[in-house]
N, C-alpha and C. Protein backbone atom coordinates (compact mmCIF):
# COMPACT_ATOMS: atom_id res chain seq x y z
N MET A 1 0.85 -1.17 0.00
CA MET A 1 0.00 0.00 0.00
C MET A 1 0.90 1.24 0.00
N LYS A 2 0.59 2.17 -0.87
CA LYS A 2 1.33 3.42 -0.93
C LYS A 2 0.86 4.35 0.17
N LEU A 3 1.78 5.14 0.69
CA LEU A 3 1.47 6.05 1.79
C LEU A 3 0.34 7.01 1.42
N ASN A 4 0.41 7.58 0.24
CA ASN A 4 -0.64 8.54 -0.19
C ASN A 4 -2.03 7.91 -0.19
N ASP A 5 -2.11 6.63 -0.55
CA ASP A 5 -3.40 5.93 -0.53
C ASP A 5 -3.90 5.72 0.89
N ALA A 6 -2.98 5.52 1.81
CA ALA A 6 -3.34 5.22 3.20
C ALA A 6 -3.76 6.47 3.97
N ILE A 7 -3.04 7.57 3.79
CA ILE A 7 -3.34 8.73 4.64
C ILE A 7 -3.89 9.94 3.88
N LYS A 8 -3.96 9.85 2.56
CA LYS A 8 -4.59 10.90 1.73
C LYS A 8 -4.05 12.29 2.08
N SER A 9 -2.77 12.45 1.93
CA SER A 9 -2.15 13.72 2.29
C SER A 9 -1.16 14.15 1.22
N LYS A 10 -0.89 15.44 1.17
CA LYS A 10 0.13 15.98 0.27
C LYS A 10 1.35 16.33 1.11
N PHE A 11 2.50 16.26 0.48
CA PHE A 11 3.75 16.49 1.19
C PHE A 11 4.52 17.63 0.54
N ALA A 12 5.19 18.41 1.37
CA ALA A 12 5.92 19.59 0.90
C ALA A 12 7.07 19.21 -0.02
N ASN A 13 7.73 18.08 0.29
CA ASN A 13 8.85 17.64 -0.54
C ASN A 13 9.11 16.16 -0.27
N ASP A 14 10.09 15.62 -0.97
CA ASP A 14 10.38 14.19 -0.85
C ASP A 14 10.90 13.80 0.54
N LYS A 15 11.64 14.69 1.20
CA LYS A 15 12.13 14.38 2.54
C LYS A 15 10.97 14.32 3.53
N HIS A 16 10.01 15.20 3.39
CA HIS A 16 8.82 15.17 4.25
C HIS A 16 8.05 13.87 4.01
N LEU A 17 7.86 13.52 2.74
CA LEU A 17 7.20 12.26 2.38
C LEU A 17 7.93 11.07 3.01
N ALA A 18 9.25 11.05 2.89
CA ALA A 18 10.04 9.93 3.42
C ALA A 18 9.94 9.86 4.93
N SER A 19 9.96 11.01 5.61
CA SER A 19 9.89 10.98 7.08
C SER A 19 8.54 10.47 7.56
N VAL A 20 7.46 10.90 6.91
CA VAL A 20 6.13 10.41 7.29
C VAL A 20 6.00 8.92 6.93
N ASN A 21 6.55 8.54 5.78
CA ASN A 21 6.50 7.14 5.37
C ASN A 21 7.26 6.25 6.35
N LEU A 22 8.38 6.74 6.84
CA LEU A 22 9.16 5.99 7.82
C LEU A 22 8.36 5.78 9.11
N LEU A 23 7.73 6.83 9.61
CA LEU A 23 6.90 6.71 10.81
C LEU A 23 5.72 5.78 10.58
N PHE A 24 5.03 5.96 9.46
CA PHE A 24 3.87 5.13 9.13
C PHE A 24 4.29 3.66 9.07
N SER A 25 5.42 3.39 8.42
CA SER A 25 5.90 2.02 8.28
C SER A 25 6.34 1.43 9.61
N ALA A 26 6.95 2.26 10.46
CA ALA A 26 7.37 1.78 11.78
C ALA A 26 6.16 1.35 12.61
N TYR A 27 5.10 2.16 12.60
CA TYR A 27 3.90 1.80 13.35
C TYR A 27 3.21 0.58 12.74
N TRP A 28 3.23 0.48 11.41
CA TRP A 28 2.66 -0.68 10.71
C TRP A 28 3.38 -1.95 11.15
N LEU A 29 4.72 -1.91 11.15
CA LEU A 29 5.50 -3.07 11.57
C LEU A 29 5.28 -3.37 13.05
N LYS A 30 5.23 -2.32 13.87
CA LYS A 30 5.00 -2.49 15.31
C LYS A 30 3.67 -3.19 15.56
N ASP A 31 2.62 -2.80 14.86
CA ASP A 31 1.31 -3.45 15.01
C ASP A 31 1.38 -4.93 14.67
N HIS A 32 2.11 -5.29 13.61
CA HIS A 32 2.27 -6.69 13.25
C HIS A 32 3.05 -7.46 14.32
N LEU A 33 4.09 -6.85 14.85
CA LEU A 33 4.89 -7.51 15.89
C LEU A 33 4.08 -7.71 17.17
N ILE A 34 3.29 -6.72 17.54
CA ILE A 34 2.42 -6.84 18.72
C ILE A 34 1.48 -8.02 18.55
N ALA A 35 0.89 -8.14 17.36
CA ALA A 35 -0.03 -9.25 17.09
C ALA A 35 0.69 -10.60 17.14
N ALA A 36 1.91 -10.67 16.65
CA ALA A 36 2.67 -11.93 16.66
C ALA A 36 3.05 -12.34 18.08
N LEU A 37 3.26 -11.37 18.96
CA LEU A 37 3.67 -11.67 20.34
C LEU A 37 2.49 -11.93 21.27
N LYS A 38 1.31 -11.47 20.89
CA LYS A 38 0.14 -11.61 21.75
C LYS A 38 -0.12 -13.06 22.18
N PRO A 39 -0.05 -14.04 21.27
CA PRO A 39 -0.28 -15.43 21.71
C PRO A 39 0.74 -15.93 22.75
N HIS A 40 1.88 -15.28 22.81
CA HIS A 40 2.92 -15.67 23.77
C HIS A 40 2.74 -14.96 25.12
N GLY A 41 1.79 -14.03 25.18
CA GLY A 41 1.48 -13.35 26.44
C GLY A 41 2.48 -12.30 26.86
N ILE A 42 3.23 -11.75 25.88
CA ILE A 42 4.19 -10.70 26.21
C ILE A 42 4.00 -9.51 25.27
N THR A 43 4.40 -8.35 25.77
CA THR A 43 4.34 -7.13 24.96
C THR A 43 5.62 -6.99 24.14
N LEU A 44 5.61 -6.06 23.24
CA LEU A 44 6.79 -5.79 22.42
C LEU A 44 7.96 -5.34 23.29
N GLU A 45 7.68 -4.50 24.30
CA GLU A 45 8.73 -4.03 25.19
C GLU A 45 9.28 -5.17 26.05
N GLN A 46 8.40 -6.06 26.53
CA GLN A 46 8.86 -7.22 27.30
C GLN A 46 9.73 -8.12 26.42
N HIS A 47 9.33 -8.29 25.16
CA HIS A 47 10.11 -9.07 24.20
C HIS A 47 11.50 -8.47 24.04
N ASN A 48 11.57 -7.15 23.91
CA ASN A 48 12.86 -6.47 23.75
C ASN A 48 13.75 -6.72 24.97
N VAL A 49 13.21 -6.57 26.17
CA VAL A 49 13.98 -6.83 27.39
C VAL A 49 14.44 -8.29 27.43
N MET A 50 13.55 -9.19 27.10
CA MET A 50 13.90 -10.61 27.14
C MET A 50 14.98 -10.97 26.11
N ARG A 51 14.94 -10.35 24.94
CA ARG A 51 15.98 -10.59 23.93
C ARG A 51 17.32 -10.07 24.43
N ILE A 52 17.31 -8.92 25.08
CA ILE A 52 18.55 -8.36 25.64
C ILE A 52 19.11 -9.30 26.70
N LEU A 53 18.25 -9.78 27.59
CA LEU A 53 18.68 -10.71 28.63
C LEU A 53 19.16 -12.04 28.03
N LYS A 54 18.49 -12.50 27.00
CA LYS A 54 18.89 -13.75 26.34
C LYS A 54 20.28 -13.61 25.74
N GLY A 55 20.58 -12.41 25.22
CA GLY A 55 21.89 -12.16 24.62
C GLY A 55 23.03 -12.23 25.63
N SER A 56 22.74 -11.97 26.89
CA SER A 56 23.78 -12.02 27.91
C SER A 56 23.75 -13.32 28.72
N HIS A 57 22.76 -14.16 28.46
CA HIS A 57 22.61 -15.42 29.20
C HIS A 57 23.87 -16.26 29.08
N PRO A 58 24.38 -16.84 30.13
CA PRO A 58 23.80 -17.01 31.46
C PRO A 58 24.16 -15.88 32.43
N ASN A 59 24.85 -14.86 31.95
CA ASN A 59 25.22 -13.76 32.84
C ASN A 59 24.02 -12.88 33.16
N GLU A 60 24.03 -12.31 34.36
CA GLU A 60 23.00 -11.36 34.77
C GLU A 60 23.36 -9.98 34.22
N MET A 61 22.36 -9.11 34.14
CA MET A 61 22.58 -7.76 33.65
C MET A 61 22.07 -6.73 34.64
N ARG A 62 22.72 -5.58 34.66
CA ARG A 62 22.24 -4.46 35.46
C ARG A 62 21.07 -3.80 34.72
N VAL A 63 20.14 -3.26 35.47
CA VAL A 63 18.95 -2.62 34.90
C VAL A 63 19.35 -1.50 33.96
N LYS A 64 20.32 -0.68 34.36
CA LYS A 64 20.72 0.44 33.51
C LYS A 64 21.34 -0.03 32.20
N ASP A 65 21.99 -1.18 32.18
CA ASP A 65 22.55 -1.71 30.94
C ASP A 65 21.44 -2.22 30.01
N ILE A 66 20.41 -2.79 30.60
CA ILE A 66 19.25 -3.21 29.80
C ILE A 66 18.61 -1.98 29.17
N ALA A 67 18.39 -0.95 29.98
CA ALA A 67 17.75 0.28 29.50
C ALA A 67 18.54 0.91 28.35
N SER A 68 19.85 0.85 28.42
CA SER A 68 20.67 1.48 27.38
C SER A 68 20.58 0.76 26.04
N ARG A 69 20.15 -0.50 26.06
CA ARG A 69 20.06 -1.30 24.83
C ARG A 69 18.65 -1.37 24.25
N MET A 70 17.69 -0.76 24.93
CA MET A 70 16.30 -0.83 24.48
C MET A 70 16.11 -0.13 23.14
N VAL A 71 15.26 -0.70 22.29
CA VAL A 71 14.90 -0.06 21.02
C VAL A 71 14.10 1.20 21.33
N GLU A 72 13.11 1.06 22.20
CA GLU A 72 12.27 2.20 22.61
C GLU A 72 12.89 2.80 23.86
N LYS A 73 13.60 3.90 23.69
CA LYS A 73 14.37 4.49 24.78
C LYS A 73 13.50 5.02 25.92
N SER A 74 12.23 5.31 25.65
CA SER A 74 11.36 5.84 26.71
C SER A 74 10.69 4.74 27.53
N SER A 75 11.04 3.50 27.28
CA SER A 75 10.45 2.39 28.03
C SER A 75 10.83 2.45 29.51
N ASN A 76 9.88 2.07 30.35
CA ASN A 76 10.09 2.03 31.79
C ASN A 76 10.60 0.62 32.14
N VAL A 77 11.91 0.44 32.08
CA VAL A 77 12.51 -0.88 32.25
C VAL A 77 12.18 -1.50 33.61
N PRO A 78 12.27 -0.78 34.74
CA PRO A 78 11.91 -1.42 36.02
C PRO A 78 10.47 -1.96 36.04
N ARG A 79 9.54 -1.22 35.44
CA ARG A 79 8.14 -1.67 35.39
C ARG A 79 8.03 -2.93 34.51
N ILE A 80 8.72 -2.93 33.38
CA ILE A 80 8.71 -4.10 32.49
C ILE A 80 9.28 -5.31 33.23
N LEU A 81 10.37 -5.10 33.95
CA LEU A 81 10.98 -6.19 34.71
C LEU A 81 10.05 -6.70 35.81
N ASP A 82 9.33 -5.78 36.46
CA ASP A 82 8.35 -6.20 37.47
C ASP A 82 7.37 -7.20 36.87
N LYS A 83 6.87 -6.90 35.69
CA LYS A 83 5.89 -7.79 35.04
C LYS A 83 6.52 -9.12 34.65
N LEU A 84 7.76 -9.09 34.17
CA LEU A 84 8.43 -10.34 33.81
C LEU A 84 8.70 -11.20 35.04
N VAL A 85 9.03 -10.57 36.16
CA VAL A 85 9.26 -11.31 37.41
C VAL A 85 7.95 -11.93 37.89
N ILE A 86 6.86 -11.16 37.84
CA ILE A 86 5.54 -11.69 38.24
C ILE A 86 5.17 -12.90 37.39
N LYS A 87 5.49 -12.85 36.10
CA LYS A 87 5.19 -13.97 35.19
C LYS A 87 6.21 -15.11 35.32
N LYS A 88 7.20 -14.92 36.19
CA LYS A 88 8.26 -15.90 36.41
C LYS A 88 9.10 -16.16 35.16
N LEU A 89 9.27 -15.09 34.36
CA LEU A 89 10.09 -15.17 33.15
C LEU A 89 11.49 -14.59 33.40
N ALA A 90 11.62 -13.81 34.47
CA ALA A 90 12.90 -13.22 34.84
C ALA A 90 13.03 -13.25 36.36
N LYS A 91 14.27 -13.15 36.82
CA LYS A 91 14.51 -13.11 38.27
C LYS A 91 15.51 -12.00 38.56
N ARG A 92 15.33 -11.41 39.74
CA ARG A 92 16.21 -10.34 40.21
C ARG A 92 17.06 -10.86 41.36
N THR A 93 18.28 -10.34 41.40
CA THR A 93 19.14 -10.59 42.56
C THR A 93 19.85 -9.28 42.90
N ILE A 94 20.35 -9.20 44.11
CA ILE A 94 21.12 -8.03 44.53
C ILE A 94 22.58 -8.28 44.17
N SER A 95 23.22 -7.29 43.62
CA SER A 95 24.62 -7.40 43.25
C SER A 95 25.48 -7.61 44.49
N PRO A 96 26.34 -8.62 44.48
CA PRO A 96 27.22 -8.81 45.64
C PRO A 96 28.26 -7.68 45.75
N ALA A 97 28.58 -7.04 44.63
CA ALA A 97 29.57 -5.97 44.63
C ALA A 97 29.00 -4.64 45.10
N ASP A 98 27.70 -4.42 44.83
CA ASP A 98 27.06 -3.16 45.20
C ASP A 98 25.61 -3.45 45.58
N LYS A 99 25.34 -3.41 46.86
CA LYS A 99 24.01 -3.78 47.37
C LYS A 99 22.88 -2.89 46.84
N ARG A 100 23.23 -1.73 46.28
CA ARG A 100 22.21 -0.83 45.72
C ARG A 100 21.82 -1.23 44.31
N GLU A 101 22.57 -2.14 43.73
CA GLU A 101 22.39 -2.50 42.32
C GLU A 101 21.62 -3.81 42.18
N THR A 102 20.66 -3.82 41.25
CA THR A 102 19.87 -5.02 40.98
C THR A 102 20.38 -5.67 39.70
N LEU A 103 20.52 -6.97 39.76
CA LEU A 103 20.90 -7.76 38.58
C LEU A 103 19.70 -8.58 38.13
N VAL A 104 19.59 -8.79 36.83
CA VAL A 104 18.44 -9.49 36.27
C VAL A 104 18.91 -10.56 35.30
N ALA A 105 18.19 -11.68 35.29
CA ALA A 105 18.45 -12.76 34.33
C ALA A 105 17.13 -13.43 33.99
N LEU A 106 17.11 -14.09 32.86
CA LEU A 106 15.92 -14.87 32.49
C LEU A 106 15.88 -16.16 33.31
N THR A 107 14.68 -16.62 33.59
CA THR A 107 14.49 -17.93 34.18
C THR A 107 14.47 -18.95 33.04
N GLU A 108 14.43 -20.22 33.37
CA GLU A 108 14.33 -21.25 32.33
C GLU A 108 13.03 -21.07 31.53
N SER A 109 11.95 -20.70 32.23
CA SER A 109 10.68 -20.43 31.53
C SER A 109 10.82 -19.26 30.58
N GLY A 110 11.57 -18.25 31.01
CA GLY A 110 11.80 -17.08 30.17
C GLY A 110 12.60 -17.42 28.93
N ILE A 111 13.60 -18.27 29.09
CA ILE A 111 14.42 -18.69 27.95
C ILE A 111 13.56 -19.46 26.95
N THR A 112 12.76 -20.37 27.45
CA THR A 112 11.88 -21.15 26.57
C THR A 112 10.91 -20.23 25.83
N LEU A 113 10.31 -19.30 26.56
CA LEU A 113 9.33 -18.40 25.94
C LEU A 113 9.97 -17.50 24.89
N ILE A 114 11.14 -16.93 25.18
CA ILE A 114 11.76 -16.02 24.21
C ILE A 114 12.18 -16.77 22.95
N GLU A 115 12.58 -18.02 23.10
CA GLU A 115 12.94 -18.80 21.92
C GLU A 115 11.72 -19.10 21.06
N THR A 116 10.59 -19.40 21.69
CA THR A 116 9.34 -19.65 20.97
C THR A 116 8.84 -18.36 20.32
N ALA A 117 8.86 -17.27 21.08
CA ALA A 117 8.42 -15.98 20.54
C ALA A 117 9.32 -15.54 19.39
N ARG A 118 10.62 -15.81 19.52
CA ARG A 118 11.57 -15.44 18.46
C ARG A 118 11.22 -16.13 17.15
N ALA A 119 10.80 -17.37 17.22
CA ALA A 119 10.40 -18.10 16.02
C ALA A 119 9.19 -17.41 15.36
N SER A 120 8.24 -16.96 16.17
CA SER A 120 7.08 -16.25 15.63
C SER A 120 7.49 -14.93 14.99
N VAL A 121 8.39 -14.21 15.63
CA VAL A 121 8.86 -12.92 15.10
C VAL A 121 9.64 -13.14 13.81
N ASP A 122 10.47 -14.17 13.77
CA ASP A 122 11.23 -14.48 12.55
C ASP A 122 10.30 -14.81 11.40
N GLU A 123 9.27 -15.60 11.68
CA GLU A 123 8.28 -15.96 10.66
C GLU A 123 7.55 -14.71 10.15
N LEU A 124 7.13 -13.86 11.07
CA LEU A 124 6.46 -12.62 10.69
C LEU A 124 7.37 -11.75 9.84
N THR A 125 8.62 -11.63 10.24
CA THR A 125 9.58 -10.80 9.50
C THR A 125 9.70 -11.27 8.06
N GLU A 126 9.77 -12.57 7.87
CA GLU A 126 9.85 -13.11 6.51
C GLU A 126 8.59 -12.79 5.71
N GLN A 127 7.44 -12.78 6.37
CA GLN A 127 6.17 -12.50 5.69
C GLN A 127 6.03 -11.03 5.31
N VAL A 128 6.38 -10.12 6.21
CA VAL A 128 6.10 -8.70 5.97
C VAL A 128 7.24 -7.96 5.31
N MET A 129 8.46 -8.42 5.47
CA MET A 129 9.60 -7.75 4.85
C MET A 129 9.77 -8.31 3.43
N THR A 130 8.95 -7.80 2.54
CA THR A 130 8.90 -8.32 1.17
C THR A 130 9.93 -7.62 0.28
N ILE A 131 11.14 -7.51 0.81
CA ILE A 131 12.25 -6.94 0.06
C ILE A 131 13.39 -7.94 0.10
N SER A 132 14.32 -7.80 -0.84
CA SER A 132 15.45 -8.73 -0.90
C SER A 132 16.44 -8.42 0.22
N ASP A 133 17.36 -9.34 0.44
CA ASP A 133 18.41 -9.10 1.44
C ASP A 133 19.24 -7.87 1.05
N LYS A 134 19.50 -7.72 -0.23
CA LYS A 134 20.28 -6.57 -0.71
C LYS A 134 19.51 -5.27 -0.44
N GLU A 135 18.20 -5.26 -0.68
CA GLU A 135 17.39 -4.07 -0.40
C GLU A 135 17.32 -3.79 1.10
N ALA A 136 17.22 -4.86 1.90
CA ALA A 136 17.17 -4.70 3.36
C ALA A 136 18.47 -4.08 3.87
N ARG A 137 19.60 -4.54 3.34
CA ARG A 137 20.89 -3.99 3.72
C ARG A 137 20.99 -2.51 3.32
N ALA A 138 20.51 -2.20 2.10
CA ALA A 138 20.54 -0.80 1.62
C ALA A 138 19.64 0.07 2.50
N LEU A 139 18.47 -0.43 2.86
CA LEU A 139 17.56 0.31 3.73
C LEU A 139 18.21 0.57 5.08
N SER A 140 18.83 -0.45 5.65
CA SER A 140 19.52 -0.28 6.94
C SER A 140 20.63 0.76 6.83
N ASN A 141 21.37 0.72 5.75
CA ASN A 141 22.45 1.70 5.55
C ASN A 141 21.90 3.12 5.44
N ILE A 142 20.79 3.28 4.74
CA ILE A 142 20.17 4.60 4.62
C ILE A 142 19.70 5.10 5.98
N LEU A 143 19.07 4.23 6.77
CA LEU A 143 18.60 4.61 8.10
C LEU A 143 19.76 4.95 9.02
N ASP A 144 20.84 4.19 8.94
CA ASP A 144 22.04 4.49 9.72
C ASP A 144 22.61 5.86 9.32
N LYS A 145 22.63 6.13 8.03
CA LYS A 145 23.13 7.42 7.52
C LYS A 145 22.28 8.57 8.05
N MET A 146 20.96 8.36 8.08
CA MET A 146 20.05 9.39 8.56
C MET A 146 20.34 9.74 10.02
N ARG A 147 20.67 8.73 10.82
CA ARG A 147 20.92 8.95 12.26
C ARG A 147 22.37 9.31 12.56
N ALA A 148 23.23 9.32 11.55
CA ALA A 148 24.68 9.53 11.78
C ALA A 148 24.99 10.88 12.40
N ALA A 149 24.16 11.88 12.18
CA ALA A 149 24.43 13.22 12.71
C ALA A 149 24.25 13.27 14.23
N GLU A 150 23.61 12.29 14.80
CA GLU A 150 23.33 12.29 16.24
C GLU A 150 24.57 12.10 17.07
């Protein structure tokens, strides 16, 4: 679907069109990901935290390190972790080096769930990303270039 067909709007120039198209596409993809994760009983933000924790498994991570790796920087990581602990998908411990610091790791249930959810996300990605690997690489390079000034 073309952006103009979806939102019926005119754009001042091609950069304006591209920026709105990028936002529209990001929300479109986010909606698909939310739907793919719903059967697993986790949110997109919980999935992101669990993927970060899975990447460091079996090592525990500090909350601030998890927060720094989040895709959505405005996410409330302690609240997300509270929900994962309640669901018994993650566990917290106090750092032996600094009693003020909390360490977090996935439980075995969390590892199993993130692996199952990952399969669903991978399947969805193959379905909705109807571009070639070469085009995907080019798109990633363009997006990296756009953010390079930061």
